[in-house]
C-alpha atoms as a PDB file:
ATOM      1  CA  MET A   1     161.698 259.865  13.100  1.00  0.00           C
ATOM      2  CA  PRO A   2     161.099 256.917  10.497  1.00  0.00           C
ATOM      3  CA  ARG A   3     161.693 257.913   7.067  1.00  0.00           C
ATOM      4  CA  VAL A   4     160.723 255.949   3.745  1.00  0.00           C
ATOM      5  CA  PHE A   5     163.293 255.881   0.766  1.00  0.00           C
ATOM      6  CA  PRO A   6     162.397 255.348  -2.776  1.00  0.00           C
ATOM      7  CA  ASP A   7     165.193 252.825  -3.473  1.00  0.00           C
ATOM      8  CA  LYS A   8     168.213 251.058  -1.871  1.00  0.00           C
ATOM      9  CA  GLU A   9     170.942 254.186  -3.497  1.00  0.00           C
ATOM     10  CA  ALA A  10     168.734 256.893  -1.404  1.00  0.00           C
ATOM     11  CA  LEU A  11     168.693 254.323   1.694  1.00  0.00           C
ATOM     12  CA  LEU A  12     172.473 253.847   1.384  1.00  0.00           C
ATOM     13  CA  ASP A  13     173.499 257.606   0.938  1.00  0.00           C
ATOM     14  CA  ALA A  14     170.921 258.712   3.657  1.00  0.00           C
ATOM     15  CA  ALA A  15     172.335 255.508   6.336  1.00  0.00           C
ATOM     16  CA  PHE A  16     176.276 256.898   5.251  1.00  0.00           C
ATOM     17  CA  SER A  17     175.305 260.169   5.753  1.00  0.00           C
ATOM     18  CA  LEU A  18     173.981 259.482   8.955  1.00  0.00           C
ATOM     19  CA  ALA A  19     177.062 257.407  10.050  1.00  0.00           C
ATOM     20  CA  ALA A  20     179.391 260.446   8.919  1.00  0.00           C
ATOM     21  CA  GLU A  21     177.303 262.774  11.200  1.00  0.00           C
ATOM     22  CA  ILE A  22     177.966 260.251  14.035  1.00  0.00           C
ATOM     23  CA  SER A  23     181.577 259.603  13.604  1.00  0.00           C
ATOM     24  CA  SER A  24     182.351 263.443  13.592  1.00  0.00           C
ATOM     25  CA  LYS A  25     181.130 263.565  17.206  1.00  0.00           C
ATOM     26  CA  SER A  26     182.897 262.903  20.206  1.00  0.00           C
ATOM     27  CA  PRO A  27     183.694 259.118  20.972  1.00  0.00           C
ATOM     28  CA  VAL A  28     182.802 259.591  24.535  1.00  0.00           C
ATOM     29  CA  ALA A  29     179.641 261.465  24.019  1.00  0.00           C
ATOM     30  CA  VAL A  30     178.405 258.417  21.296  1.00  0.00           C
ATOM     31  CA  GLN A  31     179.776 255.632  23.568  1.00  0.00           C
ATOM     32  CA  GLY A  32     177.597 257.269  26.602  1.00  0.00           C
ATOM     33  CA  THR A  33     174.624 257.867  24.309  1.00  0.00           C
ATOM     34  CA  LYS A  34     174.322 254.005  23.442  1.00  0.00           C
ATOM     35  CA  VAL A  35     175.106 252.955  27.289  1.00  0.00           C
ATOM     36  CA  ASN A  36     172.472 255.406  28.261  1.00  0.00           C
ATOM     37  CA  LEU A  37     169.757 254.330  25.712  1.00  0.00           C
ATOM     38  CA  LEU A  38     170.644 250.492  26.396  1.00  0.00           C
ATOM     39  CA  TYR A  39     170.034 251.040  30.134  1.00  0.00           C
ATOM     40  CA  ALA A  40     166.657 253.243  29.622  1.00  0.00           C
ATOM     41  CA  ARG A  41     165.343 250.456  27.374  1.00  0.00           C
ATOM     42  CA  ASP A  42     164.696 248.223  30.495  1.00  0.00           C
ATOM     43  CA  HIS A  43     164.433 250.380  33.631  1.00  0.00           C
ATOM     44  CA  PRO A  44     161.967 253.123  34.711  1.00  0.00           C
ATOM     45  CA  VAL A  45     162.213 256.934  33.786  1.00  0.00           C
ATOM     46  CA  ALA A  46     163.508 258.234  37.158  1.00  0.00           C
ATOM     47  CA  ASP A  47     165.922 255.162  37.145  1.00  0.00           C
ATOM     48  CA  SER A  48     166.959 256.214  33.512  1.00  0.00           C
ATOM     49  CA  LEU A  49     167.358 259.904  34.486  1.00  0.00           C
ATOM     50  CA  ASN A  50     169.595 259.178  37.458  1.00  0.00           C
ATOM     51  CA  PHE A  51     171.743 256.698  35.560  1.00  0.00           C
ATOM     52  CA  VAL A  52     172.097 259.626  33.126  1.00  0.00           C
ATOM     53  CA  ARG A  53     172.873 262.248  35.814  1.00  0.00           C
ATOM     54  CA  ASN A  54     175.477 259.549  37.297  1.00  0.00           C
ATOM     55  CA  TRP A  55     177.182 258.695  33.879  1.00  0.00           C
ATOM     56  CA  ASN A  56     177.820 262.593  32.974  1.00  0.00           C
ATOM     57  CA  MET A  57     179.322 263.455  36.737  1.00  0.00           C
ATOM     58  CA  SER A  58     181.781 260.653  35.858  1.00  0.00           C
ATOM     59  CA  MET A  59     182.535 259.876  32.457  1.00  0.00           C
ATOM     60  CA  LEU A  60     182.140 263.515  30.906  1.00  0.00           C
ATOM     61  CA  GLN A  61     185.401 264.787  32.356  1.00  0.00           C
ATOM     62  CA  THR A  62     187.512 264.757  28.780  1.00  0.00           C
ATOM     63  CA  ASP A  63     188.199 268.351  26.998  1.00  0.00           C
ATOM     64  CA  ASP A  64     185.488 267.380  24.455  1.00  0.00           C
ATOM     65  CA  ILE A  65     182.563 269.570  25.881  1.00  0.00           C
ATOM     66  CA  VAL A  66     185.002 272.576  25.811  1.00  0.00           C
ATOM     67  CA  LYS A  67     186.065 271.797  22.509  1.00  0.00           C
ATOM     68  CA  SER A  68     182.669 271.265  21.009  1.00  0.00           C
ATOM     69  CA  VAL A  69     181.743 274.804  22.640  1.00  0.00           C
ATOM     70  CA  GLN A  70     184.438 276.126  20.865  1.00  0.00           C
ATOM     71  CA  ALA A  71     184.014 274.796  17.715  1.00  0.00           C
ATOM     72  CA  ALA A  72     180.362 276.018  17.788  1.00  0.00           C
ATOM     73  CA  MET A  73     181.669 279.526  19.094  1.00  0.00           C
ATOM     74  CA  GLU A  74     184.065 279.611  16.069  1.00  0.00           C
ATOM     75  CA  LYS A  75     181.400 278.119  13.412  1.00  0.00           C
ATOM     76  CA  LYS A  76     183.849 275.206  12.793  1.00  0.00           C
ATOM     77  CA  GLU A  77     182.872 271.778  11.762  1.00  0.00           C
ATOM     78  CA  LEU A  78     183.065 269.134  14.343  1.00  0.00           C
ATOM     79  CA  LYS A  79     184.930 267.304  11.784  1.00  0.00           C
ATOM     80  CA  SER A  80     187.846 269.580  12.242  1.00  0.00           C
ATOM     81  CA  VAL A  81     188.134 269.065  15.988  1.00  0.00           C
ATOM     82  CA  THR A  82     190.317 266.237  17.478  1.00  0.00           C
ATOM     83  CA  PHE A  83     188.313 264.556  20.207  1.00  0.00           C
ATOM     84  CA  SER A  84     189.443 262.440  23.136  1.00  0.00           C
ATOM     85  CA  LYS A  85     190.189 259.082  22.551  1.00  0.00           C
ATOM     86  CA  LEU A  86     187.860 256.331  24.365  1.00  0.00           C
END
């Protein structure tokens, strides 16, 4: 959702906050999201959903999902979780 900021400083604060939030996530999940968004931009919905399904079946074989769920159940911040490397 687009936001309007009163000045450059507020804009940069929001941008760095978003960057920090994204960087706390699993690198595999972040890269997968980027790949799937780029694919979906140029393909029909049905093809994009099929691509996401195949991506998830093949690329989400790391322990990142288990670590994320465990952190959520233990009410830990994702910053404290060590995710898999790309």
